[in-house]
């Protein structure tokens, strides 16, 4: 089965970065649904969460938990026009 990667970008309101990152750590620990995760800073208040899942089934299993978490941090986010995040997922096709 092929691994799946999800990349979710967030724009965090000014003054809310530390609170957001703490909430992100709570979501990502312990790692029950995924193999690895990284949070990267794109600019001063924009971050991306990059998550490696074992399979598409594991990705889907984690979706409801992720949406509940997103609802809980919505007050910390600036929107991307009509969405709280800029996100996409894809199946790993090569590793080198």
N, C-alpha and C. Protein backbone atom coordinates (compact mmCIF):
# COMPACT_ATOMS: atom_id res chain seq x y z
N UNK A 1 0.84 -1.19 0.00
CA UNK A 1 0.00 0.00 0.00
C UNK A 1 0.89 1.25 0.00
N UNK A 2 0.48 2.27 -0.69
CA UNK A 2 1.26 3.51 -0.82
C UNK A 2 1.01 4.46 0.34
N UNK A 3 2.05 5.12 0.77
CA UNK A 3 1.93 6.15 1.80
C UNK A 3 1.22 7.37 1.22
N UNK A 4 0.62 8.13 2.11
CA UNK A 4 -0.09 9.36 1.73
C UNK A 4 0.51 10.50 2.52
N UNK A 5 0.73 11.63 1.86
CA UNK A 5 1.24 12.84 2.50
C UNK A 5 0.15 13.91 2.45
N UNK A 6 -0.04 14.59 3.56
CA UNK A 6 -0.96 15.72 3.62
C UNK A 6 -0.18 16.97 4.01
N UNK A 7 -0.48 18.06 3.33
CA UNK A 7 0.15 19.34 3.62
C UNK A 7 -0.96 20.35 3.88
N UNK A 8 -0.94 20.92 5.07
CA UNK A 8 -2.00 21.85 5.48
C UNK A 8 -1.35 23.15 5.91
N UNK A 9 -1.65 24.23 5.17
CA UNK A 9 -1.11 25.55 5.52
C UNK A 9 -2.12 26.31 6.37
N UNK A 10 -1.58 27.07 7.33
CA UNK A 10 -2.38 27.88 8.23
C UNK A 10 -1.82 29.30 8.25
N UNK A 11 -2.71 30.29 8.25
CA UNK A 11 -2.33 31.67 8.56
C UNK A 11 -2.83 31.94 9.97
N UNK A 12 -1.90 32.27 10.85
CA UNK A 12 -2.24 32.45 12.25
C UNK A 12 -2.34 33.94 12.57
N UNK A 13 -3.37 34.30 13.30
CA UNK A 13 -3.55 35.70 13.69
C UNK A 13 -2.37 36.19 14.51
N UNK A 14 -2.11 37.47 14.39
CA UNK A 14 -1.01 38.09 15.14
C UNK A 14 -1.22 37.86 16.63
N UNK A 15 -0.14 37.48 17.32
CA UNK A 15 -0.20 37.25 18.75
C UNK A 15 -0.72 35.88 19.15
N UNK A 16 -1.04 35.02 18.18
CA UNK A 16 -1.64 33.73 18.49
C UNK A 16 -0.77 32.53 18.11
N UNK A 17 0.45 32.79 17.65
CA UNK A 17 1.29 31.70 17.15
C UNK A 17 1.60 30.68 18.24
N UNK A 18 2.02 31.11 19.42
CA UNK A 18 2.37 30.18 20.49
C UNK A 18 1.19 29.30 20.89
N UNK A 19 0.01 29.91 21.03
CA UNK A 19 -1.19 29.15 21.39
C UNK A 19 -1.53 28.14 20.30
N UNK A 20 -1.43 28.57 19.04
CA UNK A 20 -1.72 27.66 17.93
C UNK A 20 -0.76 26.47 17.94
N UNK A 21 0.53 26.73 18.09
CA UNK A 21 1.52 25.65 18.06
C UNK A 21 1.33 24.67 19.23
N UNK A 22 0.94 25.18 20.37
CA UNK A 22 0.65 24.29 21.51
C UNK A 22 -0.54 23.39 21.20
N UNK A 23 -1.58 23.94 20.60
CA UNK A 23 -2.75 23.15 20.20
C UNK A 23 -2.37 22.13 19.13
N UNK A 24 -1.49 22.51 18.23
CA UNK A 24 -1.00 21.60 17.18
C UNK A 24 -0.25 20.42 17.80
N UNK A 25 0.59 20.68 18.78
CA UNK A 25 1.34 19.60 19.45
C UNK A 25 0.39 18.62 20.14
N UNK A 26 -0.68 19.13 20.72
CA UNK A 26 -1.65 18.25 21.38
C UNK A 26 -2.33 17.33 20.36
N UNK A 27 -2.62 17.86 19.18
CA UNK A 27 -3.24 17.04 18.14
C UNK A 27 -2.29 15.95 17.67
N UNK A 28 -1.02 16.28 17.55
CA UNK A 28 -0.05 15.37 16.95
C UNK A 28 0.59 14.40 17.94
N UNK A 29 0.24 14.46 19.19
CA UNK A 29 0.84 13.57 20.18
C UNK A 29 -0.27 12.91 20.99
N UNK A 30 -0.28 11.60 21.11
CA UNK A 30 0.64 10.65 20.51
C UNK A 30 0.30 10.40 19.04
N UNK A 31 1.25 9.80 18.33
CA UNK A 31 1.08 9.54 16.90
C UNK A 31 0.34 8.22 16.68
N UNK A 32 -0.95 8.25 16.74
CA UNK A 32 -1.75 7.04 16.54
C UNK A 32 -2.12 6.82 15.08
N UNK A 33 -2.27 7.89 14.33
CA UNK A 33 -2.83 7.78 12.99
C UNK A 33 -1.81 8.00 11.88
N UNK A 34 -0.60 8.40 12.20
CA UNK A 34 0.34 8.74 11.15
C UNK A 34 1.75 8.29 11.50
N UNK A 35 2.60 8.27 10.50
CA UNK A 35 3.98 7.82 10.68
C UNK A 35 4.90 8.94 11.14
N UNK A 36 4.74 10.13 10.57
CA UNK A 36 5.57 11.27 10.96
C UNK A 36 4.83 12.56 10.67
N UNK A 37 5.31 13.62 11.30
CA UNK A 37 4.71 14.94 11.09
C UNK A 37 5.77 16.00 11.34
N UNK A 38 5.68 17.06 10.58
CA UNK A 38 6.56 18.21 10.74
C UNK A 38 5.72 19.47 10.63
N UNK A 39 6.11 20.48 11.39
CA UNK A 39 5.53 21.81 11.27
C UNK A 39 6.65 22.72 10.78
N UNK A 40 6.40 23.41 9.68
CA UNK A 40 7.40 24.34 9.16
C UNK A 40 6.82 25.74 9.13
N UNK A 41 7.69 26.73 9.31
CA UNK A 41 7.27 28.13 9.22
C UNK A 41 7.58 28.61 7.81
N UNK A 42 6.55 29.15 7.16
CA UNK A 42 6.69 29.65 5.80
C UNK A 42 7.06 31.13 5.83
N UNK A 43 6.39 31.87 6.69
CA UNK A 43 6.76 33.26 6.97
C UNK A 43 6.37 33.56 8.40
N UNK A 44 6.33 34.81 8.77
CA UNK A 44 6.16 35.19 10.17
C UNK A 44 4.94 34.55 10.84
N UNK A 45 3.80 34.47 10.15
CA UNK A 45 2.59 33.92 10.74
C UNK A 45 1.95 32.82 9.90
N UNK A 46 2.67 32.32 8.92
CA UNK A 46 2.12 31.25 8.10
C UNK A 46 2.96 29.98 8.30
N UNK A 47 2.25 28.90 8.62
CA UNK A 47 2.89 27.62 8.94
C UNK A 47 2.25 26.52 8.10
N UNK A 48 2.99 25.43 7.93
CA UNK A 48 2.44 24.26 7.24
C UNK A 48 2.72 23.03 8.09
N UNK A 49 1.73 22.16 8.15
CA UNK A 49 1.85 20.87 8.80
C UNK A 49 1.98 19.84 7.69
N UNK A 50 3.05 19.05 7.72
CA UNK A 50 3.29 18.02 6.72
C UNK A 50 3.21 16.68 7.44
N UNK A 51 2.24 15.85 7.04
CA UNK A 51 1.97 14.60 7.75
C UNK A 51 2.12 13.43 6.79
N UNK A 52 2.81 12.40 7.25
CA UNK A 52 3.00 11.16 6.49
C UNK A 52 2.09 10.08 7.09
N UNK A 53 1.19 9.56 6.27
CA UNK A 53 0.28 8.50 6.69
C UNK A 53 0.68 7.18 6.05
N UNK A 54 0.37 6.10 6.73
CA UNK A 54 0.67 4.76 6.24
C UNK A 54 -0.13 4.42 4.99
N UNK A 55 -1.37 4.92 4.91
CA UNK A 55 -2.26 4.57 3.80
C UNK A 55 -3.38 5.59 3.70
N UNK A 56 -4.14 5.52 2.62
CA UNK A 56 -5.30 6.40 2.46
C UNK A 56 -6.33 6.10 3.54
N UNK A 57 -6.49 4.85 3.92
CA UNK A 57 -7.43 4.51 4.99
C UNK A 57 -7.07 5.22 6.30
N UNK A 58 -5.79 5.25 6.64
CA UNK A 58 -5.35 5.94 7.86
C UNK A 58 -5.60 7.45 7.74
N UNK A 59 -5.43 7.99 6.55
CA UNK A 59 -5.69 9.42 6.32
C UNK A 59 -7.16 9.72 6.57
N UNK A 60 -8.03 8.90 6.02
CA UNK A 60 -9.48 9.10 6.18
C UNK A 60 -9.89 8.90 7.63
N UNK A 61 -9.29 7.89 8.30
CA UNK A 61 -9.60 7.65 9.72
C UNK A 61 -9.30 8.86 10.58
N UNK A 62 -8.29 9.64 10.23
CA UNK A 62 -7.84 10.79 11.01
C UNK A 62 -8.62 12.07 10.66
N UNK A 63 -9.36 12.04 9.57
CA UNK A 63 -10.01 13.25 9.06
C UNK A 63 -10.98 13.89 10.05
N UNK A 64 -11.85 13.11 10.67
CA UNK A 64 -12.82 13.68 11.61
C UNK A 64 -12.15 14.31 12.82
N UNK A 65 -11.13 13.64 13.35
CA UNK A 65 -10.38 14.19 14.48
C UNK A 65 -9.71 15.50 14.09
N UNK A 66 -9.14 15.54 12.89
CA UNK A 66 -8.49 16.75 12.40
C UNK A 66 -9.48 17.90 12.22
N UNK A 67 -10.67 17.61 11.71
CA UNK A 67 -11.68 18.66 11.54
C UNK A 67 -12.19 19.18 12.88
N UNK A 68 -12.35 18.29 13.85
CA UNK A 68 -12.76 18.73 15.19
C UNK A 68 -11.70 19.66 15.78
N UNK A 69 -10.42 19.28 15.61
CA UNK A 69 -9.33 20.12 16.10
C UNK A 69 -9.34 21.47 15.40
N UNK A 70 -9.55 21.46 14.08
CA UNK A 70 -9.58 22.71 13.32
C UNK A 70 -10.69 23.63 13.82
N UNK A 71 -11.84 23.06 14.13
CA UNK A 71 -12.93 23.86 14.72
C UNK A 71 -12.47 24.50 16.03
N UNK A 72 -11.66 23.78 16.81
CA UNK A 72 -11.24 24.30 18.11
C UNK A 72 -10.20 25.41 18.02
N UNK A 73 -9.51 25.53 16.89
CA UNK A 73 -8.48 26.58 16.73
C UNK A 73 -8.89 27.64 15.72
N UNK A 74 -10.09 27.56 15.20
CA UNK A 74 -10.54 28.50 14.17
C UNK A 74 -10.37 29.94 14.60
N UNK A 75 -10.60 30.23 15.88
CA UNK A 75 -10.50 31.61 16.38
C UNK A 75 -9.06 32.15 16.31
N UNK A 76 -8.07 31.28 16.10
CA UNK A 76 -6.67 31.69 16.01
C UNK A 76 -6.21 31.93 14.57
N UNK A 77 -7.08 31.66 13.60
CA UNK A 77 -6.68 31.65 12.19
C UNK A 77 -7.24 32.81 11.39
N UNK A 78 -6.44 33.24 10.42
CA UNK A 78 -6.94 34.10 9.34
C UNK A 78 -7.33 33.17 8.20
N UNK A 79 -8.34 33.55 7.47
CA UNK A 79 -8.86 32.68 6.42
C UNK A 79 -8.13 32.91 5.10
N UNK A 80 -8.07 31.86 4.30
CA UNK A 80 -7.64 31.93 2.90
C UNK A 80 -8.93 32.08 2.09
N UNK A 81 -9.33 33.31 1.87
CA UNK A 81 -10.59 33.64 1.20
C UNK A 81 -11.75 32.90 1.87
N UNK A 82 -12.17 31.74 1.38
CA UNK A 82 -13.33 31.07 1.95
C UNK A 82 -12.97 29.77 2.69
N UNK A 83 -11.70 29.61 3.09
CA UNK A 83 -11.26 28.39 3.76
C UNK A 83 -10.32 28.73 4.91
N UNK A 84 -10.38 27.92 5.95
CA UNK A 84 -9.51 28.12 7.11
C UNK A 84 -8.08 27.68 6.82
N UNK A 85 -7.91 26.81 5.84
CA UNK A 85 -6.59 26.27 5.51
C UNK A 85 -6.41 26.26 4.00
N UNK A 86 -5.18 26.04 3.60
CA UNK A 86 -4.85 25.75 2.21
C UNK A 86 -4.21 24.37 2.25
N UNK A 87 -4.94 23.34 1.85
CA UNK A 87 -4.51 21.97 2.10
C UNK A 87 -4.64 21.09 0.87
N UNK A 88 -3.78 20.07 0.84
CA UNK A 88 -3.89 19.03 -0.19
C UNK A 88 -3.20 17.79 0.31
N UNK A 89 -3.58 16.65 -0.26
CA UNK A 89 -2.97 15.36 0.05
C UNK A 89 -2.65 14.65 -1.23
N UNK A 90 -1.70 13.72 -1.16
CA UNK A 90 -1.34 12.95 -2.34
C UNK A 90 -0.67 11.64 -1.97
N UNK A 91 -0.72 10.70 -2.89
CA UNK A 91 -0.13 9.39 -2.70
C UNK A 91 1.34 9.45 -3.09
N UNK A 92 2.20 8.92 -2.25
CA UNK A 92 3.63 8.90 -2.52
C UNK A 92 3.89 7.99 -3.73
N UNK A 93 4.61 8.53 -4.72
CA UNK A 93 4.89 7.74 -5.91
C UNK A 93 6.36 7.37 -6.05
N UNK A 94 7.24 8.03 -5.28
CA UNK A 94 8.66 7.72 -5.36
C UNK A 94 9.34 8.17 -4.08
N UNK A 95 10.41 7.48 -3.75
CA UNK A 95 11.21 7.84 -2.58
C UNK A 95 12.67 7.71 -2.98
N UNK A 96 13.46 8.76 -2.71
CA UNK A 96 14.87 8.69 -3.07
C UNK A 96 15.70 9.42 -2.06
